[in-house]
PDB file of N, CA and C in Angstrom:
ATOM      1  N   UNK A   1      -2.731   0.662  -5.091  1.00  0.00           N
ATOM      2  CA  UNK A   1      -2.071  -0.106  -3.645  1.00  0.00           C
ATOM      3  C   UNK A   1      -1.400   0.983  -2.777  1.00  0.00           C
ATOM      4  N   UNK A   2      -0.563   1.689  -3.344  1.00  0.00           N
ATOM      5  CA  UNK A   2       0.097   2.820  -2.458  1.00  0.00           C
ATOM      6  C   UNK A   2      -0.963   3.632  -1.789  1.00  0.00           C
ATOM      7  N   UNK A   3      -1.889   4.176  -2.621  1.00  0.00           N
ATOM      8  CA  UNK A   3      -2.725   4.976  -2.062  1.00  0.00           C
ATOM      9  C   UNK A   3      -3.725   4.341  -0.977  1.00  0.00           C
ATOM     10  N   UNK A   4      -4.150   3.276  -1.358  1.00  0.00           N
ATOM     11  CA  UNK A   4      -5.026   2.552  -0.287  1.00  0.00           C
ATOM     12  C   UNK A   4      -4.243   2.459   1.063  1.00  0.00           C
ATOM     13  N   UNK A   5      -2.968   1.957   0.937  1.00  0.00           N
ATOM     14  CA  UNK A   5      -2.169   1.907   2.263  1.00  0.00           C
ATOM     15  C   UNK A   5      -2.058   3.261   2.859  1.00  0.00           C
ATOM     16  N   UNK A   6      -1.921   4.118   2.199  1.00  0.00           N
ATOM     17  CA  UNK A   6      -1.648   5.534   2.682  1.00  0.00           C
ATOM     18  C   UNK A   6      -2.937   5.827   3.578  1.00  0.00           C
ATOM     19  N   UNK A   7      -4.150   5.638   2.851  1.00  0.00           N
ATOM     20  CA  UNK A   7      -5.415   6.091   3.394  1.00  0.00           C
ATOM     21  C   UNK A   7      -5.596   5.432   4.608  1.00  0.00           C
ATOM     22  N   UNK A   8      -5.352   4.005   4.786  1.00  0.00           N
ATOM     23  CA  UNK A   8      -5.646   3.464   5.987  1.00  0.00           C
ATOM     24  C   UNK A   8      -4.441   3.693   7.032  1.00  0.00           C
ATOM     25  N   UNK A   9      -3.337   4.046   6.659  1.00  0.00           N
ATOM     26  CA  UNK A   9      -2.394   4.605   7.810  1.00  0.00           C
ATOM     27  C   UNK A   9      -3.036   5.993   8.273  1.00  0.00           C
ATOM     28  N   UNK A  10      -3.407   6.799   7.402  1.00  0.00           N
ATOM     29  CA  UNK A  10      -3.940   8.361   7.809  1.00  0.00           C
ATOM     30  C   UNK A  10      -5.051   7.958   8.781  1.00  0.00           C
ATOM     31  N   UNK A  11      -5.987   6.974   8.299  1.00  0.00           N
ATOM     32  CA  UNK A  11      -7.274   6.855   9.140  1.00  0.00           C
ATOM     33  C   UNK A  11      -7.005   6.178  10.543  1.00  0.00           C
ATOM     34  N   UNK A  12      -5.911   5.424  10.552  1.00  0.00           N
ATOM     35  CA  UNK A  12      -5.364   4.883  11.880  1.00  0.00           C
ATOM     36  C   UNK A  12      -4.563   5.642  12.664  1.00  0.00           C
ATOM     37  N   UNK A  13      -4.137   6.689  12.112  1.00  0.00           N
ATOM     38  CA  UNK A  13      -3.264   7.728  12.834  1.00  0.00           C
ATOM     39  C   UNK A  13      -3.878   8.404  14.260  1.00  0.00           C
ATOM     40  N   UNK A  14      -5.021   8.544  14.239  1.00  0.00           N
ATOM     41  CA  UNK A  14      -5.668   8.879  15.517  1.00  0.00           C
ATOM     42  C   UNK A  14      -5.726   8.064  16.580  1.00  0.00           C
ATOM     43  N   UNK A  15      -5.270   6.663  16.285  1.00  0.00           N
ATOM     44  CA  UNK A  15      -5.199   5.609  17.263  1.00  0.00           C
ATOM     45  C   UNK A  15      -3.742   5.161  17.534  1.00  0.00           C
ATOM     46  N   UNK A  16      -2.900   6.272  17.619  1.00  0.00           N
ATOM     47  CA  UNK A  16      -1.460   6.006  17.671  1.00  0.00           C
ATOM     48  C   UNK A  16      -1.251   4.962  18.802  1.00  0.00           C
ATOM     49  N   UNK A  17      -1.893   4.768  19.846  1.00  0.00           N
ATOM     50  CA  UNK A  17      -1.410   3.929  20.888  1.00  0.00           C
ATOM     51  C   UNK A  17      -1.640   2.492  20.405  1.00  0.00           C
ATOM     52  N   UNK A  18      -2.529   2.160  19.449  1.00  0.00           N
ATOM     53  CA  UNK A  18      -2.725   0.808  19.260  1.00  0.00           C
ATOM     54  C   UNK A  18      -1.816   0.395  17.835  1.00  0.00           C
ATOM     55  N   UNK A  19      -1.125  -0.501  17.945  1.00  0.00           N
ATOM     56  CA  UNK A  19      -0.260  -1.017  16.713  1.00  0.00           C
ATOM     57  C   UNK A  19      -1.286  -1.893  16.048  1.00  0.00           C
ATOM     58  N   UNK A  20      -1.082  -1.921  14.573  1.00  0.00           N
ATOM     59  CA  UNK A  20      -1.882  -2.625  13.720  1.00  0.00           C
ATOM     60  C   UNK A  20      -0.992  -3.258  12.586  1.00  0.00           C
ATOM     61  N   UNK A  21      -1.659  -4.328  12.083  1.00  0.00           N
ATOM     62  CA  UNK A  21      -0.759  -5.162  11.074  1.00  0.00           C
ATOM     63  C   UNK A  21      -1.684  -4.791   9.789  1.00  0.00           C
ATOM     64  N   UNK A  22      -1.211  -4.303   8.685  1.00  0.00           N
ATOM     65  CA  UNK A  22      -1.865  -4.061   7.362  1.00  0.00           C
ATOM     66  C   UNK A  22      -1.820  -5.450   6.629  1.00  0.00           C
ATOM     67  N   UNK A  23      -3.183  -5.930   6.343  1.00  0.00           N
ATOM     68  CA  UNK A  23      -3.284  -7.109   5.579  1.00  0.00           C
ATOM     69  C   UNK A  23      -4.122  -6.698   4.351  1.00  0.00           C
ATOM     70  N   UNK A  24      -3.659  -7.006   3.094  1.00  0.00           N
ATOM     71  CA  UNK A  24      -4.425  -6.586   1.922  1.00  0.00           C
ATOM     72  C   UNK A  24      -4.525  -7.868   1.016  1.00  0.00           C
ATOM     73  N   UNK A  25      -5.733  -7.823   0.528  1.00  0.00           N
ATOM     74  CA  UNK A  25      -6.034  -8.932  -0.537  1.00  0.00           C
ATOM     75  C   UNK A  25      -6.495  -8.235  -1.794  1.00  0.00           C
ATOM     76  N   UNK A  26      -6.548  -8.907  -2.935  1.00  0.00           N
ATOM     77  CA  UNK A  26      -7.078  -8.263  -4.061  1.00  0.00           C
ATOM     78  C   UNK A  26      -7.754  -9.466  -5.078  1.00  0.00           C
ATOM     79  N   UNK A  27      -8.279  -8.994  -6.081  1.00  0.00           N
ATOM     80  CA  UNK A  27      -8.820  -9.919  -6.989  1.00  0.00           C
ATOM     81  C   UNK A  27      -8.600  -9.184  -8.491  1.00  0.00           C
ATOM     82  N   UNK A  28      -7.984  -9.874  -9.402  1.00  0.00           N
ATOM     83  CA  UNK A  28      -7.804  -9.242 -10.648  1.00  0.00           C
ATOM     84  C   UNK A  28      -8.678 -10.002 -11.610  1.00  0.00           C
ATOM     85  N   UNK A  29      -8.697  -9.379 -12.737  1.00  0.00           N
ATOM     86  CA  UNK A  29      -9.294  -9.993 -13.991  1.00  0.00           C
ATOM     87  C   UNK A  29      -8.636 -11.418 -14.329  1.00  0.00           C
ATOM     88  N   UNK A  30      -9.381 -12.118 -15.069  1.00  0.00           N
ATOM     89  CA  UNK A  30      -8.845 -13.512 -15.479  1.00  0.00           C
ATOM     90  C   UNK A  30      -7.491 -13.404 -16.091  1.00  0.00           C
ATOM     91  N   UNK A  31      -7.234 -12.264 -16.705  1.00  0.00           N
ATOM     92  CA  UNK A  31      -5.993 -12.186 -17.438  1.00  0.00           C
ATOM     93  C   UNK A  31      -5.078 -11.409 -16.529  1.00  0.00           C
ATOM     94  N   UNK A  32      -5.272 -11.087 -15.368  1.00  0.00           N
ATOM     95  CA  UNK A  32      -4.324 -10.294 -14.323  1.00  0.00           C
ATOM     96  C   UNK A  32      -3.568 -11.448 -13.551  1.00  0.00           C
ATOM     97  N   UNK A  33      -2.828 -10.709 -12.662  1.00  0.00           N
ATOM     98  CA  UNK A  33      -1.811 -11.407 -11.759  1.00  0.00           C
ATOM     99  C   UNK A  33      -2.584 -12.517 -10.908  1.00  0.00           C
ATOM    100  N   UNK A  34      -3.711 -12.444 -10.481  1.00  0.00           N
ATOM    101  CA  UNK A  34      -4.427 -13.609  -9.569  1.00  0.00           C
ATOM    102  C   UNK A  34      -5.284 -14.369 -10.554  1.00  0.00           C
ATOM    103  N   UNK A  35      -5.509 -14.120 -11.718  1.00  0.00           N
ATOM    104  CA  UNK A  35      -6.246 -14.820 -12.811  1.00  0.00           C
ATOM    105  C   UNK A  35      -7.802 -15.167 -12.087  1.00  0.00           C
ATOM    106  N   UNK A  36      -8.248 -13.988 -11.547  1.00  0.00           N
ATOM    107  CA  UNK A  36      -9.520 -13.970 -11.101  1.00  0.00           C
ATOM    108  C   UNK A  36      -9.872 -14.568  -9.588  1.00  0.00           C
ATOM    109  N   UNK A  37      -8.699 -14.809  -8.992  1.00  0.00           N
ATOM    110  CA  UNK A  37      -8.903 -15.431  -7.561  1.00  0.00           C
ATOM    111  C   UNK A  37      -8.609 -14.313  -6.623  1.00  0.00           C
ATOM    112  N   UNK A  38      -9.137 -14.729  -5.449  1.00  0.00           N
ATOM    113  CA  UNK A  38      -8.893 -13.624  -4.342  1.00  0.00           C
ATOM    114  C   UNK A  38      -7.652 -14.178  -3.591  1.00  0.00           C
ATOM    115  N   UNK A  39      -6.631 -13.329  -3.516  1.00  0.00           N
ATOM    116  CA  UNK A  39      -5.498 -13.627  -3.101  1.00  0.00           C
ATOM    117  C   UNK A  39      -4.834 -12.468  -2.168  1.00  0.00           C
ATOM    118  N   UNK A  40      -3.727 -12.843  -1.270  1.00  0.00           N
ATOM    119  CA  UNK A  40      -3.012 -11.697  -0.510  1.00  0.00           C
ATOM    120  C   UNK A  40      -2.254 -11.182  -1.458  1.00  0.00           C
ATOM    121  N   UNK A  41      -2.022  -9.663  -1.399  1.00  0.00           N
ATOM    122  CA  UNK A  41      -1.134  -8.950  -2.128  1.00  0.00           C
ATOM    123  C   UNK A  41       0.213  -9.458  -2.071  1.00  0.00           C
ATOM    124  N   UNK A  42       1.083  -9.557  -3.050  1.00  0.00           N
ATOM    125  CA  UNK A  42       2.467 -10.108  -2.722  1.00  0.00           C
ATOM    126  C   UNK A  42       3.235  -9.193  -1.701  1.00  0.00           C
ATOM    127  N   UNK A  43       4.026 -10.034  -1.013  1.00  0.00           N
ATOM    128  CA  UNK A  43       4.678  -9.358   0.275  1.00  0.00           C
ATOM    129  C   UNK A  43       5.454  -8.151  -0.190  1.00  0.00           C
ATOM    130  N   UNK A  44       6.262  -8.201  -1.398  1.00  0.00           N
ATOM    131  CA  UNK A  44       7.251  -7.146  -1.652  1.00  0.00           C
ATOM    132  C   UNK A  44       6.339  -5.911  -2.010  1.00  0.00           C
ATOM    133  N   UNK A  45       5.250  -6.086  -2.591  1.00  0.00           N
ATOM    134  CA  UNK A  45       4.276  -4.850  -3.051  1.00  0.00           C
ATOM    135  C   UNK A  45       3.769  -4.353  -1.755  1.00  0.00           C
ATOM    136  N   UNK A  46       3.244  -5.300  -0.879  1.00  0.00           N
ATOM    137  CA  UNK A  46       2.797  -4.752   0.502  1.00  0.00           C
ATOM    138  C   UNK A  46       3.728  -4.054   1.337  1.00  0.00           C
ATOM    139  N   UNK A  47       4.950  -4.425   1.252  1.00  0.00           N
ATOM    140  CA  UNK A  47       6.015  -3.887   1.996  1.00  0.00           C
ATOM    141  C   UNK A  47       6.360  -2.529   1.305  1.00  0.00           C
ATOM    142  N   UNK A  48       6.328  -2.346   0.238  1.00  0.00           N
ATOM    143  CA  UNK A  48       6.625  -1.076  -0.424  1.00  0.00           C
ATOM    144  C   UNK A  48       5.431  -0.240  -0.299  1.00  0.00           C
ATOM    145  N   UNK A  49       4.310  -0.614  -0.116  1.00  0.00           N
ATOM    146  CA  UNK A  49       3.111   0.333   0.192  1.00  0.00           C
ATOM    147  C   UNK A  49       2.961   0.661   1.390  1.00  0.00           C
ATOM    148  N   UNK A  50       3.515  -0.131   2.452  1.00  0.00           N
ATOM    149  CA  UNK A  50       3.558   0.309   3.941  1.00  0.00           C
ATOM    150  C   UNK A  50       4.575   1.395   3.996  1.00  0.00           C
ATOM    151  N   UNK A  51       5.776   1.142   3.524  1.00  0.00           N
ATOM    152  CA  UNK A  51       6.675   2.008   3.557  1.00  0.00           C
ATOM    153  C   UNK A  51       6.490   3.433   2.927  1.00  0.00           C
ATOM    154  N   UNK A  52       5.914   3.464   1.823  1.00  0.00           N
ATOM    155  CA  UNK A  52       5.310   4.748   1.189  1.00  0.00           C
ATOM    156  C   UNK A  52       4.272   5.364   2.024  1.00  0.00           C
ATOM    157  N   UNK A  53       3.400   4.640   2.662  1.00  0.00           N
ATOM    158  CA  UNK A  53       2.391   5.170   3.653  1.00  0.00           C
ATOM    159  C   UNK A  53       3.172   5.824   5.029  1.00  0.00           C
ATOM    160  N   UNK A  54       3.991   5.205   5.407  1.00  0.00           N
ATOM    161  CA  UNK A  54       4.648   5.678   6.548  1.00  0.00           C
ATOM    162  C   UNK A  54       5.392   6.903   6.214  1.00  0.00           C
ATOM    163  N   UNK A  55       6.165   6.890   5.093  1.00  0.00           N
ATOM    164  CA  UNK A  55       6.860   8.171   4.556  1.00  0.00           C
ATOM    165  C   UNK A  55       5.901   9.307   4.613  1.00  0.00           C
ATOM    166  N   UNK A  56       4.775   8.956   3.959  1.00  0.00           N
ATOM    167  CA  UNK A  56       3.758  10.179   3.593  1.00  0.00           C
ATOM    168  C   UNK A  56       3.238  10.628   5.122  1.00  0.00           C
ATOM    169  N   UNK A  57       3.337   9.909   5.913  1.00  0.00           N
ATOM    170  CA  UNK A  57       2.633  10.545   7.360  1.00  0.00           C
ATOM    171  C   UNK A  57       3.691  11.304   8.033  1.00  0.00           C
ATOM    172  N   UNK A  58       5.115  10.949   7.661  1.00  0.00           N
ATOM    173  CA  UNK A  58       6.143  11.784   8.211  1.00  0.00           C
ATOM    174  C   UNK A  58       6.268  13.010   7.376  1.00  0.00           C
ATOM    175  N   UNK A  59       5.674  13.255   6.071  1.00  0.00           N
ATOM    176  CA  UNK A  59       5.774  14.348   5.297  1.00  0.00           C
ATOM    177  C   UNK A  59       7.205  14.298   4.620  1.00  0.00           C
ATOM    178  N   UNK A  60       7.821  13.292   4.441  1.00  0.00           N
ATOM    179  CA  UNK A  60       9.095  13.356   3.678  1.00  0.00           C
ATOM    180  C   UNK A  60       9.095  12.633   2.448  1.00  0.00           C
ATOM    181  N   UNK A  61       7.669  12.520   1.784  1.00  0.00           N
ATOM    182  CA  UNK A  61       7.345  11.803   0.607  1.00  0.00           C
ATOM    183  C   UNK A  61       7.119  12.745  -0.613  1.00  0.00           C
ATOM    184  N   UNK A  62       7.449  13.984  -0.333  1.00  0.00           N
ATOM    185  CA  UNK A  62       7.039  14.877  -1.570  1.00  0.00           C
ATOM    186  C   UNK A  62       7.865  14.618  -2.699  1.00  0.00           C
ATOM    187  N   UNK A  63       9.165  14.284  -2.757  1.00  0.00           N
ATOM    188  CA  UNK A  63       9.999  14.013  -3.880  1.00  0.00           C
ATOM    189  C   UNK A  63       9.827  12.720  -4.483  1.00  0.00           C
ATOM    190  N   UNK A  64       9.499  11.826  -3.687  1.00  0.00           N
ATOM    191  CA  UNK A  64       9.358  10.480  -4.096  1.00  0.00           C
ATOM    192  C   UNK A  64       8.086   9.927  -4.687  1.00  0.00           C
ATOM    193  N   UNK A  65       6.927  10.783  -4.690  1.00  0.00           N
ATOM    194  CA  UNK A  65       5.695  10.344  -4.991  1.00  0.00           C
ATOM    195  C   UNK A  65       5.700   9.854  -6.575  1.00  0.00           C
ATOM    196  N   UNK A  66       6.203  10.598  -7.310  1.00  0.00           N
ATOM    197  CA  UNK A  66       5.949  10.134  -8.901  1.00  0.00           C
ATOM    198  C   UNK A  66       6.733   9.038  -9.165  1.00  0.00           C
ATOM    199  N   UNK A  67       7.933   8.828  -8.551  1.00  0.00           N
ATOM    200  CA  UNK A  67       8.892   7.840  -8.862  1.00  0.00           C
ATOM    201  C   UNK A  67       8.259   6.370  -8.396  1.00  0.00           C
ATOM    202  N   UNK A  68       7.664   6.456  -7.113  1.00  0.00           N
ATOM    203  CA  UNK A  68       7.120   5.177  -6.374  1.00  0.00           C
ATOM    204  C   UNK A  68       5.736   4.924  -7.243  1.00  0.00           C
ATOM    205  N   UNK A  69       5.107   5.781  -7.725  1.00  0.00           N
ATOM    206  CA  UNK A  69       3.886   5.506  -8.331  1.00  0.00           C
ATOM    207  C   UNK A  69       4.216   4.878  -9.750  1.00  0.00           C
ATOM    208  N   UNK A  70       5.302   5.341 -10.534  1.00  0.00           N
ATOM    209  CA  UNK A  70       5.875   4.644 -11.665  1.00  0.00           C
ATOM    210  C   UNK A  70       6.146   3.050 -11.515  1.00  0.00           C
ATOM    211  N   UNK A  71       6.773   3.014 -10.317  1.00  0.00           N
ATOM    212  CA  UNK A  71       7.340   1.486 -10.001  1.00  0.00           C
ATOM    213  C   UNK A  71       6.251   0.708  -9.758  1.00  0.00           C
ATOM    214  N   UNK A  72       5.073   1.090  -9.233  1.00  0.00           N
ATOM    215  CA  UNK A  72       3.925   0.476  -8.642  1.00  0.00           C
ATOM    216  C   UNK A  72       3.070  -0.048  -9.815  1.00  0.00           C
ATOM    217  N   UNK A  73       3.050   0.794 -11.048  1.00  0.00           N
ATOM    218  CA  UNK A  73       2.200   0.648 -12.105  1.00  0.00           C
ATOM    219  C   UNK A  73       2.961  -0.441 -13.093  1.00  0.00           C
ATOM    220  N   UNK A  74       4.149  -0.726 -12.927  1.00  0.00           N
ATOM    221  CA  UNK A  74       4.725  -1.750 -13.857  1.00  0.00           C
ATOM    222  C   UNK A  74       4.247  -3.066 -13.301  1.00  0.00           C
TER     223      UNK A  74
END
């Protein structure tokens, strides 16, 4: 999730004039968080991914990469 958001922000960086809203959905296996349904990513997870993506664009993300990845995997 973190990496997907970062890629989208990097790709959109060329169009800095235009603001955009990141909307992300996902589908998990039947035993996963969405129980096989197509749903929006939970707001807290999306906000964390956006925060991570914005920090990586600024170049301030070097020290936090590993810590953020661990949090998102849980």
